Amino acid sequence: MFDGNRRVDCQISNAALSALRDMRTNPGLTREGVFERHRRLIERVASNQYQGDAEPIRIFAKHLPSTKSRANRSAKRPTGLPLSGS
């Protein structure tokens, strides 16, 4: 990541990459493949953590949107309706 011309070191944990791989249910992807597939999300998380002087940026699984929250955002339910059959 860059802040102007200054390079900002970023790191992502193996657990975070594993969590992203599981979201896509494709266990055969390499770490590099998982990173490339989710690069925009990872860069967004890194940018949100960046404070201007904190280096390196470290991304852990807890920093990623959960599978449940991603599913909830993608489900287009009308507002005001119950989530269950009750």
N, C-alpha and C. Protein backbone atom coordinates (compact mmCIF):
# COMPACT_ATOMS: atom_id res chain seq x y z
N MET A 1 0.86 -1.15 0.00
CA MET A 1 0.00 0.00 0.00
C MET A 1 0.91 1.23 0.00
N PHE A 2 0.41 2.33 -0.57
CA PHE A 2 1.19 3.57 -0.62
C PHE A 2 0.37 4.71 -0.02
N ASP A 3 1.08 5.60 0.67
CA ASP A 3 0.53 6.86 1.16
C ASP A 3 1.31 7.94 0.42
N GLY A 4 0.76 8.40 -0.68
CA GLY A 4 1.52 9.27 -1.57
C GLY A 4 2.62 8.45 -2.20
N ASN A 5 3.86 8.88 -1.98
CA ASN A 5 5.01 8.13 -2.48
C ASN A 5 5.60 7.20 -1.44
N ARG A 6 5.09 7.27 -0.22
CA ARG A 6 5.63 6.46 0.88
C ARG A 6 4.99 5.09 0.89
N ARG A 7 5.82 4.07 0.92
CA ARG A 7 5.34 2.70 0.97
C ARG A 7 4.95 2.35 2.40
N VAL A 8 3.79 1.71 2.56
CA VAL A 8 3.31 1.27 3.87
C VAL A 8 3.29 -0.25 3.83
N ASP A 9 4.04 -0.88 4.74
CA ASP A 9 4.08 -2.33 4.79
C ASP A 9 2.78 -2.88 5.36
N CYS A 10 2.27 -3.92 4.73
CA CYS A 10 1.04 -4.58 5.16
C CYS A 10 1.30 -6.08 5.26
N GLN A 11 0.64 -6.68 6.24
CA GLN A 11 0.77 -8.13 6.43
C GLN A 11 -0.62 -8.70 6.65
N ILE A 12 -0.84 -9.91 6.17
CA ILE A 12 -2.10 -10.60 6.41
C ILE A 12 -1.76 -11.99 6.96
N SER A 13 -2.48 -12.39 7.98
CA SER A 13 -2.18 -13.66 8.63
C SER A 13 -2.67 -14.84 7.79
N ASN A 14 -2.05 -16.00 8.03
CA ASN A 14 -2.51 -17.22 7.37
C ASN A 14 -3.95 -17.53 7.75
N ALA A 15 -4.33 -17.26 9.00
CA ALA A 15 -5.71 -17.50 9.44
C ALA A 15 -6.69 -16.64 8.66
N ALA A 16 -6.31 -15.39 8.39
CA ALA A 16 -7.18 -14.50 7.61
C ALA A 16 -7.32 -15.02 6.18
N LEU A 17 -6.22 -15.45 5.58
CA LEU A 17 -6.29 -16.01 4.23
C LEU A 17 -7.12 -17.29 4.21
N SER A 18 -6.99 -18.10 5.24
CA SER A 18 -7.80 -19.33 5.33
C SER A 18 -9.27 -18.99 5.44
N ALA A 19 -9.61 -17.96 6.22
CA ALA A 19 -11.00 -17.54 6.36
C ALA A 19 -11.56 -17.08 5.02
N LEU A 20 -10.76 -16.36 4.25
CA LEU A 20 -11.22 -15.93 2.93
C LEU A 20 -11.39 -17.11 1.99
N ARG A 21 -10.50 -18.07 2.06
CA ARG A 21 -10.61 -19.26 1.21
C ARG A 21 -11.90 -20.00 1.54
N ASP A 22 -12.20 -20.14 2.83
CA ASP A 22 -13.41 -20.84 3.24
C ASP A 22 -14.67 -20.12 2.78
N MET A 23 -14.63 -18.79 2.73
CA MET A 23 -15.79 -18.04 2.25
C MET A 23 -16.15 -18.44 0.82
N ARG A 24 -15.16 -18.73 0.04
CA ARG A 24 -15.39 -19.07 -1.36
C ARG A 24 -15.51 -20.58 -1.58
N THR A 25 -15.43 -21.34 -0.52
CA THR A 25 -15.51 -22.81 -0.57
C THR A 25 -14.64 -23.41 -1.68
N ASN A 26 -13.41 -22.95 -1.74
CA ASN A 26 -12.46 -23.47 -2.71
C ASN A 26 -11.15 -23.77 -2.00
N PRO A 27 -11.08 -24.91 -1.29
CA PRO A 27 -9.90 -25.21 -0.49
C PRO A 27 -8.63 -25.44 -1.30
N GLY A 28 -8.72 -25.57 -2.61
CA GLY A 28 -7.55 -25.85 -3.42
C GLY A 28 -6.75 -24.62 -3.80
N LEU A 29 -7.22 -23.43 -3.49
CA LEU A 29 -6.49 -22.22 -3.85
C LEU A 29 -5.22 -22.07 -3.01
N THR A 30 -4.17 -21.57 -3.64
CA THR A 30 -2.94 -21.25 -2.90
C THR A 30 -3.15 -19.96 -2.14
N ARG A 31 -2.26 -19.65 -1.21
CA ARG A 31 -2.35 -18.38 -0.48
C ARG A 31 -2.31 -17.20 -1.44
N GLU A 32 -1.44 -17.27 -2.44
CA GLU A 32 -1.35 -16.19 -3.42
C GLU A 32 -2.64 -16.06 -4.21
N GLY A 33 -3.23 -17.19 -4.55
CA GLY A 33 -4.50 -17.18 -5.28
C GLY A 33 -5.63 -16.58 -4.46
N VAL A 34 -5.66 -16.92 -3.17
CA VAL A 34 -6.67 -16.36 -2.27
C VAL A 34 -6.47 -14.85 -2.17
N PHE A 35 -5.21 -14.42 -2.01
CA PHE A 35 -4.92 -12.99 -1.92
C PHE A 35 -5.39 -12.26 -3.18
N GLU A 36 -5.04 -12.78 -4.34
CA GLU A 36 -5.42 -12.12 -5.59
C GLU A 36 -6.94 -12.07 -5.76
N ARG A 37 -7.61 -13.14 -5.40
CA ARG A 37 -9.05 -13.20 -5.54
C ARG A 37 -9.75 -12.17 -4.64
N HIS A 38 -9.15 -11.90 -3.47
CA HIS A 38 -9.76 -11.01 -2.48
C HIS A 38 -8.96 -9.72 -2.28
N ARG A 39 -8.15 -9.39 -3.25
CA ARG A 39 -7.26 -8.23 -3.12
C ARG A 39 -8.00 -6.94 -2.78
N ARG A 40 -9.11 -6.67 -3.42
CA ARG A 40 -9.84 -5.42 -3.16
C ARG A 40 -10.34 -5.36 -1.72
N LEU A 41 -10.86 -6.46 -1.21
CA LEU A 41 -11.32 -6.51 0.18
C LEU A 41 -10.14 -6.31 1.13
N ILE A 42 -9.04 -7.00 0.89
CA ILE A 42 -7.85 -6.89 1.75
C ILE A 42 -7.33 -5.46 1.74
N GLU A 43 -7.26 -4.84 0.58
CA GLU A 43 -6.79 -3.46 0.49
C GLU A 43 -7.73 -2.50 1.21
N ARG A 44 -9.03 -2.76 1.14
CA ARG A 44 -10.01 -1.92 1.85
C ARG A 44 -9.81 -2.02 3.37
N VAL A 45 -9.61 -3.25 3.85
CA VAL A 45 -9.38 -3.47 5.28
C VAL A 45 -8.09 -2.76 5.71
N ALA A 46 -7.03 -2.88 4.92
CA ALA A 46 -5.76 -2.23 5.24
C ALA A 46 -5.92 -0.71 5.26
N SER A 47 -6.63 -0.17 4.30
CA SER A 47 -6.84 1.28 4.25
C SER A 47 -7.63 1.76 5.46
N ASN A 48 -8.61 0.98 5.89
CA ASN A 48 -9.41 1.36 7.06
C ASN A 48 -8.57 1.34 8.34
N GLN A 49 -7.55 0.50 8.40
CA GLN A 49 -6.70 0.41 9.59
C GLN A 49 -5.60 1.47 9.60
N TYR A 50 -5.27 1.99 8.45
CA TYR A 50 -4.13 2.90 8.34
C TYR A 50 -4.40 4.21 9.09
N GLN A 51 -3.47 4.58 9.97
CA GLN A 51 -3.59 5.80 10.78
C GLN A 51 -2.57 6.86 10.41
N GLY A 52 -1.82 6.65 9.37
CA GLY A 52 -0.83 7.64 8.95
C GLY A 52 0.57 7.35 9.44
N ASP A 53 0.71 6.59 10.52
CA ASP A 53 2.05 6.31 11.01
C ASP A 53 2.21 4.89 11.54
N ALA A 54 1.13 4.15 11.63
CA ALA A 54 1.19 2.79 12.17
C ALA A 54 1.69 1.84 11.09
N GLU A 55 2.89 1.30 11.31
CA GLU A 55 3.44 0.34 10.37
C GLU A 55 3.94 -0.86 11.12
N PRO A 56 3.93 -2.01 10.59
CA PRO A 56 3.15 -2.37 9.42
C PRO A 56 1.67 -2.55 9.78
N ILE A 57 0.85 -2.51 8.76
CA ILE A 57 -0.57 -2.81 8.93
C ILE A 57 -0.68 -4.32 9.02
N ARG A 58 -1.33 -4.82 10.04
CA ARG A 58 -1.48 -6.27 10.22
C ARG A 58 -2.96 -6.62 10.15
N ILE A 59 -3.30 -7.51 9.23
CA ILE A 59 -4.69 -7.94 9.06
C ILE A 59 -4.82 -9.36 9.58
N PHE A 60 -5.74 -9.52 10.52
CA PHE A 60 -6.05 -10.82 11.10
C PHE A 60 -7.47 -11.20 10.71
N ALA A 61 -7.83 -12.44 10.92
CA ALA A 61 -9.17 -12.91 10.56
C ALA A 61 -10.25 -12.06 11.22
N LYS A 62 -10.02 -11.59 12.44
CA LYS A 62 -11.02 -10.78 13.15
C LYS A 62 -11.28 -9.44 12.46
N HIS A 63 -10.39 -8.99 11.58
CA HIS A 63 -10.57 -7.74 10.87
C HIS A 63 -11.43 -7.90 9.62
N LEU A 64 -11.67 -9.13 9.20
CA LEU A 64 -12.42 -9.39 7.98
C LEU A 64 -13.91 -9.48 8.28
N PRO A 65 -14.75 -9.09 7.33
CA PRO A 65 -16.19 -9.31 7.53
C PRO A 65 -16.44 -10.80 7.68
N SER A 66 -17.30 -11.16 8.60
CA SER A 66 -17.60 -12.58 8.80
C SER A 66 -18.39 -13.12 7.63
N THR A 67 -18.37 -14.43 7.47
CA THR A 67 -19.15 -15.08 6.43
C THR A 67 -20.62 -14.74 6.61
N LYS A 68 -21.09 -14.73 7.86
CA LYS A 68 -22.49 -14.44 8.15
C LYS A 68 -22.85 -13.02 7.72
N SER A 69 -22.02 -12.03 8.05
CA SER A 69 -22.36 -10.65 7.70
C SER A 69 -22.30 -10.45 6.18
N ARG A 70 -21.40 -11.15 5.51
CA ARG A 70 -21.35 -11.05 4.04
C ARG A 70 -22.60 -11.65 3.44
N ALA A 71 -23.07 -12.76 3.99
CA ALA A 71 -24.29 -13.39 3.49
C ALA A 71 -25.49 -12.50 3.74
N ASN A 72 -25.53 -11.86 4.90
CA ASN A 72 -26.66 -10.98 5.21
C ASN A 72 -26.70 -9.78 4.28
N ARG A 73 -25.54 -9.24 3.93
CA ARG A 73 -25.52 -8.10 3.02
C ARG A 73 -25.95 -8.48 1.61
N SER A 74 -25.64 -9.71 1.22
CA SER A 74 -25.98 -10.12 -0.14
C SER A 74 -27.43 -10.57 -0.26
N ALA A 75 -28.04 -10.97 0.86
CA ALA A 75 -29.44 -11.36 0.82
C ALA A 75 -30.29 -10.11 0.77
N LYS A 76 -31.16 -10.03 -0.20
CA LYS A 76 -31.99 -8.84 -0.36
C LYS A 76 -33.37 -9.13 0.17
N ARG A 77 -33.52 -8.93 1.50
CA ARG A 77 -34.81 -9.13 2.15
C ARG A 77 -35.51 -7.80 2.26
N PRO A 78 -36.82 -7.78 2.02
CA PRO A 78 -37.55 -6.53 2.24
C PRO A 78 -37.50 -6.17 3.72
N THR A 79 -37.40 -4.89 4.02
CA THR A 79 -37.36 -4.45 5.41
C THR A 79 -38.73 -4.61 6.05
N GLY A 80 -38.74 -4.86 7.35
CA GLY A 80 -39.98 -4.96 8.09
C GLY A 80 -40.57 -6.35 8.14
N LEU A 81 -40.00 -7.30 7.43
CA LEU A 81 -40.51 -8.66 7.43
C LEU A 81 -39.70 -9.50 8.42
N PRO A 82 -40.34 -10.44 9.12
CA PRO A 82 -39.59 -11.29 10.04
C PRO A 82 -38.60 -12.17 9.30
N LEU A 83 -37.49 -12.49 9.96
CA LEU A 83 -36.46 -13.32 9.35
C LEU A 83 -36.83 -14.79 9.37
N SER A 84 -37.66 -15.20 10.32
CA SER A 84 -38.05 -16.61 10.41
C SER A 84 -39.53 -16.72 10.07
N GLY A 85 -40.03 -17.95 10.11
CA GLY A 85 -41.42 -18.20 9.78
C GLY A 85 -42.38 -17.90 10.90
N SER A 86 -41.94 -17.27 11.99
CA SER A 86 -42.83 -17.00 13.12
C SER A 86 -43.75 -15.83 12.89
